Amino acid sequence: MAKYPEKASKKVEKAMHERNEGTLKTSAGKKVTSLKQAIAIGLSEARAEGAKVPKKKNS
């Protein structure tokens, strides 16, 4: 697994906690149930705050 900076790790941890509580929502307002989606949301929030996180891969 990739090693991310402390700021990014905290954001992902927060997103995972919200997902487990059932309060994490997508931008469309739907409840997040996917583990991968919760991680992506956390990394995206970290990027928005200026953390050094690699760009997401486009497939």
PDB file of N, CA and C in Angstrom:
ATOM      1  N   MET A   1       0.842  -1.179   0.000  1.00  0.00           N
ATOM      2  CA  MET A   1       0.000   0.000   0.000  1.00  0.00           C
ATOM      3  C   MET A   1       0.886   1.241   0.000  1.00  0.00           C
ATOM      4  N   ALA A   2       0.382   2.288  -0.636  1.00  0.00           N
ATOM      5  CA  ALA A   2       1.142   3.529  -0.742  1.00  0.00           C
ATOM      6  C   ALA A   2       1.247   4.223   0.608  1.00  0.00           C
ATOM      7  N   LYS A   3       2.372   4.907   0.807  1.00  0.00           N
ATOM      8  CA  LYS A   3       2.600   5.665   2.043  1.00  0.00           C
ATOM      9  C   LYS A   3       2.319   7.130   1.740  1.00  0.00           C
ATOM     10  N   TYR A   4       1.362   7.706   2.447  1.00  0.00           N
ATOM     11  CA  TYR A   4       0.975   9.095   2.225  1.00  0.00           C
ATOM     12  C   TYR A   4       1.403   9.955   3.400  1.00  0.00           C
ATOM     13  N   PRO A   5       1.495  11.275   3.166  1.00  0.00           N
ATOM     14  CA  PRO A   5       1.864  12.188   4.256  1.00  0.00           C
ATOM     15  C   PRO A   5       0.840  12.154   5.396  1.00  0.00           C
ATOM     16  N   GLU A   6       1.247  12.670   6.542  1.00  0.00           N
ATOM     17  CA  GLU A   6       0.409  12.664   7.750  1.00  0.00           C
ATOM     18  C   GLU A   6      -0.940  13.348   7.517  1.00  0.00           C
ATOM     19  N   LYS A   7      -0.931  14.475   6.831  1.00  0.00           N
ATOM     20  CA  LYS A   7      -2.164  15.232   6.576  1.00  0.00           C
ATOM     21  C   LYS A   7      -3.158  14.400   5.771  1.00  0.00           C
ATOM     22  N   ALA A   8      -2.658  13.704   4.747  1.00  0.00           N
ATOM     23  CA  ALA A   8      -3.517  12.872   3.911  1.00  0.00           C
ATOM     24  C   ALA A   8      -4.037  11.679   4.704  1.00  0.00           C
ATOM     25  N   SER A   9      -3.184  11.105   5.537  1.00  0.00           N
ATOM     26  CA  SER A   9      -3.591   9.950   6.339  1.00  0.00           C
ATOM     27  C   SER A   9      -4.712  10.317   7.298  1.00  0.00           C
ATOM     28  N   LYS A  10      -4.634  11.512   7.881  1.00  0.00           N
ATOM     29  CA  LYS A  10      -5.676  11.962   8.805  1.00  0.00           C
ATOM     30  C   LYS A  10      -7.001  12.154   8.087  1.00  0.00           C
ATOM     31  N   LYS A  11      -6.952  12.695   6.867  1.00  0.00           N
ATOM     32  CA  LYS A  11      -8.174  12.911   6.089  1.00  0.00           C
ATOM     33  C   LYS A  11      -8.830  11.581   5.726  1.00  0.00           C
ATOM     34  N   VAL A  12      -8.015  10.604   5.329  1.00  0.00           N
ATOM     35  CA  VAL A  12      -8.548   9.290   4.978  1.00  0.00           C
ATOM     36  C   VAL A  12      -9.132   8.624   6.220  1.00  0.00           C
ATOM     37  N   GLU A  13      -8.435   8.751   7.336  1.00  0.00           N
ATOM     38  CA  GLU A  13      -8.923   8.171   8.594  1.00  0.00           C
ATOM     39  C   GLU A  13     -10.277   8.778   8.974  1.00  0.00           C
ATOM     40  N   LYS A  14     -10.413  10.094   8.800  1.00  0.00           N
ATOM     41  CA  LYS A  14     -11.667  10.781   9.115  1.00  0.00           C
ATOM     42  C   LYS A  14     -12.790  10.304   8.188  1.00  0.00           C
ATOM     43  N   ALA A  15     -12.488  10.161   6.897  1.00  0.00           N
ATOM     44  CA  ALA A  15     -13.480   9.703   5.925  1.00  0.00           C
ATOM     45  C   ALA A  15     -13.918   8.273   6.237  1.00  0.00           C
ATOM     46  N   MET A  16     -12.968   7.421   6.643  1.00  0.00           N
ATOM     47  CA  MET A  16     -13.313   6.039   6.983  1.00  0.00           C
ATOM     48  C   MET A  16     -14.203   5.997   8.223  1.00  0.00           C
ATOM     49  N   HIS A  17     -13.910   6.845   9.185  1.00  0.00           N
ATOM     50  CA  HIS A  17     -14.721   6.904  10.406  1.00  0.00           C
ATOM     51  C   HIS A  17     -16.149   7.340  10.062  1.00  0.00           C
ATOM     52  N   GLU A  18     -16.281   8.349   9.214  1.00  0.00           N
ATOM     53  CA  GLU A  18     -17.608   8.811   8.802  1.00  0.00           C
ATOM     54  C   GLU A  18     -18.349   7.728   8.023  1.00  0.00           C
ATOM     55  N   ARG A  19     -17.619   6.975   7.187  1.00  0.00           N
ATOM     56  CA  ARG A  19     -18.247   5.890   6.432  1.00  0.00           C
ATOM     57  C   ARG A  19     -18.795   4.830   7.372  1.00  0.00           C
ATOM     58  N   ASN A  20     -18.010   4.478   8.397  1.00  0.00           N
ATOM     59  CA  ASN A  20     -18.447   3.452   9.347  1.00  0.00           C
ATOM     60  C   ASN A  20     -19.660   3.911  10.146  1.00  0.00           C
ATOM     61  N   GLU A  21     -19.750   5.228  10.408  1.00  0.00           N
ATOM     62  CA  GLU A  21     -20.907   5.767  11.120  1.00  0.00           C
ATOM     63  C   GLU A  21     -22.116   5.913  10.201  1.00  0.00           C
ATOM     64  N   GLY A  22     -21.874   5.942   8.890  1.00  0.00           N
ATOM     65  CA  GLY A  22     -22.954   6.108   7.930  1.00  0.00           C
ATOM     66  C   GLY A  22     -23.271   7.558   7.616  1.00  0.00           C
ATOM     67  N   THR A  23     -22.340   8.469   7.922  1.00  0.00           N
ATOM     68  CA  THR A  23     -22.587   9.886   7.681  1.00  0.00           C
ATOM     69  C   THR A  23     -21.819  10.436   6.494  1.00  0.00           C
ATOM     70  N   LEU A  24     -20.962   9.632   5.864  1.00  0.00           N
ATOM     71  CA  LEU A  24     -20.185  10.104   4.721  1.00  0.00           C
ATOM     72  C   LEU A  24     -21.070  10.095   3.479  1.00  0.00           C
ATOM     73  N   LYS A  25     -21.097  11.235   2.790  1.00  0.00           N
ATOM     74  CA  LYS A  25     -21.939  11.379   1.601  1.00  0.00           C
ATOM     75  C   LYS A  25     -21.080  11.739   0.395  1.00  0.00           C
ATOM     76  N   THR A  26     -21.576  11.384  -0.787  1.00  0.00           N
ATOM     77  CA  THR A  26     -20.923  11.773  -2.026  1.00  0.00           C
ATOM     78  C   THR A  26     -21.329  13.205  -2.350  1.00  0.00           C
ATOM     79  N   SER A  27     -20.762  13.750  -3.403  1.00  0.00           N
ATOM     80  CA  SER A  27     -21.136  15.107  -3.798  1.00  0.00           C
ATOM     81  C   SER A  27     -22.585  15.163  -4.261  1.00  0.00           C
ATOM     82  N   ALA A  28     -23.131  14.031  -4.696  1.00  0.00           N
ATOM     83  CA  ALA A  28     -24.525  13.973  -5.121  1.00  0.00           C
ATOM     84  C   ALA A  28     -25.474  13.774  -3.935  1.00  0.00           C
ATOM     85  N   GLY A  29     -24.904  13.548  -2.743  1.00  0.00           N
ATOM     86  CA  GLY A  29     -25.727  13.407  -1.546  1.00  0.00           C
ATOM     87  C   GLY A  29     -26.084  11.983  -1.174  1.00  0.00           C
ATOM     88  N   LYS A  30     -25.533  11.006  -1.911  1.00  0.00           N
ATOM     89  CA  LYS A  30     -25.826   9.600  -1.599  1.00  0.00           C
ATOM     90  C   LYS A  30     -24.856   9.088  -0.544  1.00  0.00           C
ATOM     91  N   LYS A  31     -25.293   8.114   0.230  1.00  0.00           N
ATOM     92  CA  LYS A  31     -24.463   7.533   1.285  1.00  0.00           C
ATOM     93  C   LYS A  31     -23.347   6.682   0.682  1.00  0.00           C
ATOM     94  N   VAL A  32     -22.146   6.818   1.225  1.00  0.00           N
ATOM     95  CA  VAL A  32     -20.985   6.056   0.750  1.00  0.00           C
ATOM     96  C   VAL A  32     -20.925   4.736   1.507  1.00  0.00           C
ATOM     97  N   THR A  33     -20.863   3.626   0.773  1.00  0.00           N
ATOM     98  CA  THR A  33     -20.730   2.315   1.400  1.00  0.00           C
ATOM     99  C   THR A  33     -19.435   1.627   0.982  1.00  0.00           C
ATOM    100  N   SER A  34     -18.837   2.088  -0.106  1.00  0.00           N
ATOM    101  CA  SER A  34     -17.628   1.471  -0.642  1.00  0.00           C
ATOM    102  C   SER A  34     -16.374   1.930   0.096  1.00  0.00           C
ATOM    103  N   LEU A  35     -15.520   0.988   0.436  1.00  0.00           N
ATOM    104  CA  LEU A  35     -14.248   1.275   1.089  1.00  0.00           C
ATOM    105  C   LEU A  35     -13.356   2.120   0.181  1.00  0.00           C
ATOM    106  N   LYS A  36     -13.271   1.742  -1.093  1.00  0.00           N
ATOM    107  CA  LYS A  36     -12.422   2.459  -2.045  1.00  0.00           C
ATOM    108  C   LYS A  36     -12.906   3.894  -2.249  1.00  0.00           C
ATOM    109  N   GLN A  37     -14.230   4.073  -2.272  1.00  0.00           N
ATOM    110  CA  GLN A  37     -14.773   5.415  -2.470  1.00  0.00           C
ATOM    111  C   GLN A  37     -14.462   6.310  -1.269  1.00  0.00           C
ATOM    112  N   ALA A  38     -14.512   5.747  -0.068  1.00  0.00           N
ATOM    113  CA  ALA A  38     -14.199   6.515   1.139  1.00  0.00           C
ATOM    114  C   ALA A  38     -12.731   6.953   1.125  1.00  0.00           C
ATOM    115  N   ILE A  39     -11.835   6.070   0.703  1.00  0.00           N
ATOM    116  CA  ILE A  39     -10.418   6.420   0.604  1.00  0.00           C
ATOM    117  C   ILE A  39     -10.218   7.514  -0.436  1.00  0.00           C
ATOM    118  N   ALA A  40     -10.897   7.398  -1.569  1.00  0.00           N
ATOM    119  CA  ALA A  40     -10.781   8.403  -2.629  1.00  0.00           C
ATOM    120  C   ALA A  40     -11.269   9.768  -2.158  1.00  0.00           C
ATOM    121  N   ILE A  41     -12.335   9.799  -1.387  1.00  0.00           N
ATOM    122  CA  ILE A  41     -12.857  11.061  -0.862  1.00  0.00           C
ATOM    123  C   ILE A  41     -11.846  11.682   0.092  1.00  0.00           C
ATOM    124  N   GLY A  42     -11.257  10.874   0.964  1.00  0.00           N
ATOM    125  CA  GLY A  42     -10.254  11.370   1.901  1.00  0.00           C
ATOM    126  C   GLY A  42      -9.039  11.943   1.206  1.00  0.00           C
ATOM    127  N   LEU A  43      -8.550  11.258   0.175  1.00  0.00           N
ATOM    128  CA  LEU A  43      -7.385  11.738  -0.570  1.00  0.00           C
ATOM    129  C   LEU A  43      -7.722  13.004  -1.352  1.00  0.00           C
ATOM    130  N   SER A  44      -8.927  13.069  -1.880  1.00  0.00           N
ATOM    131  CA  SER A  44      -9.362  14.249  -2.614  1.00  0.00           C
ATOM    132  C   SER A  44      -9.425  15.472  -1.703  1.00  0.00           C
ATOM    133  N   GLU A  45      -9.945  15.287  -0.502  1.00  0.00           N
ATOM    134  CA  GLU A  45     -10.003  16.388   0.473  1.00  0.00           C
ATOM    135  C   GLU A  45      -8.595  16.834   0.866  1.00  0.00           C
ATOM    136  N   ALA A  46      -7.689  15.876   1.013  1.00  0.00           N
ATOM    137  CA  ALA A  46      -6.309  16.206   1.365  1.00  0.00           C
ATOM    138  C   ALA A  46      -5.649  17.005   0.247  1.00  0.00           C
ATOM    139  N   ARG A  47      -5.905  16.610  -1.011  1.00  0.00           N
ATOM    140  CA  ARG A  47      -5.365  17.342  -2.154  1.00  0.00           C
ATOM    141  C   ARG A  47      -5.871  18.779  -2.160  1.00  0.00           C
ATOM    142  N   ALA A  48      -7.156  18.952  -1.855  1.00  0.00           N
ATOM    143  CA  ALA A  48      -7.764  20.287  -1.860  1.00  0.00           C
ATOM    144  C   ALA A  48      -7.134  21.188  -0.797  1.00  0.00           C
ATOM    145  N   GLU A  49      -6.641  20.599   0.286  1.00  0.00           N
ATOM    146  CA  GLU A  49      -6.000  21.371   1.349  1.00  0.00           C
ATOM    147  C   GLU A  49      -4.505  21.552   1.135  1.00  0.00           C
ATOM    148  N   GLY A  50      -3.991  21.013   0.033  1.00  0.00           N
ATOM    149  CA  GLY A  50      -2.594  21.249  -0.309  1.00  0.00           C
ATOM    150  C   GLY A  50      -1.621  20.163   0.105  1.00  0.00           C
ATOM    151  N   ALA A  51      -2.111  19.012   0.557  1.00  0.00           N
ATOM    152  CA  ALA A  51      -1.211  17.913   0.921  1.00  0.00           C
ATOM    153  C   ALA A  51      -0.583  17.327  -0.343  1.00  0.00           C
ATOM    154  N   LYS A  52       0.647  16.848  -0.214  1.00  0.00           N
ATOM    155  CA  LYS A  52       1.320  16.260  -1.365  1.00  0.00           C
ATOM    156  C   LYS A  52       0.860  14.820  -1.534  1.00  0.00           C
ATOM    157  N   VAL A  53      -0.130  14.644  -2.390  1.00  0.00           N
ATOM    158  CA  VAL A  53      -0.702  13.330  -2.670  1.00  0.00           C
ATOM    159  C   VAL A  53      -0.592  13.132  -4.185  1.00  0.00           C
ATOM    160  N   PRO A  54      -0.143  11.962  -4.646  1.00  0.00           N
ATOM    161  CA  PRO A  54      -0.039  11.736  -6.087  1.00  0.00           C
ATOM    162  C   PRO A  54      -1.397  11.928  -6.776  1.00  0.00           C
ATOM    163  N   LYS A  55      -1.344  12.347  -8.045  1.00  0.00           N
ATOM    164  CA  LYS A  55      -2.570  12.536  -8.806  1.00  0.00           C
ATOM    165  C   LYS A  55      -3.285  11.210  -8.974  1.00  0.00           C
ATOM    166  N   LYS A  56      -4.615  11.277  -9.105  1.00  0.00           N
ATOM    167  CA  LYS A  56      -5.364  10.044  -9.307  1.00  0.00           C
ATOM    168  C   LYS A  56      -5.122   9.519 -10.713  1.00  0.00           C
ATOM    169  N   LYS A  57      -5.090   8.196 -10.863  1.00  0.00           N
ATOM    170  CA  LYS A  57      -4.820   7.582 -12.154  1.00  0.00           C
ATOM    171  C   LYS A  57      -6.112   7.505 -12.960  1.00  0.00           C
ATOM    172  N   ASN A  58      -6.018   7.896 -14.218  1.00  0.00           N
ATOM    173  CA  ASN A  58      -7.169   7.778 -15.116  1.00  0.00           C
ATOM    174  C   ASN A  58      -7.037   6.488 -15.895  1.00  0.00           C
ATOM    175  N   SER A  59      -8.102   5.735 -15.952  1.00  0.00           N
ATOM    176  CA  SER A  59      -8.030   4.477 -16.684  1.00  0.00           C
ATOM    177  C   SER A  59      -8.821   4.536 -17.968  1.00  0.00           C
TER     178      SER A  59
END
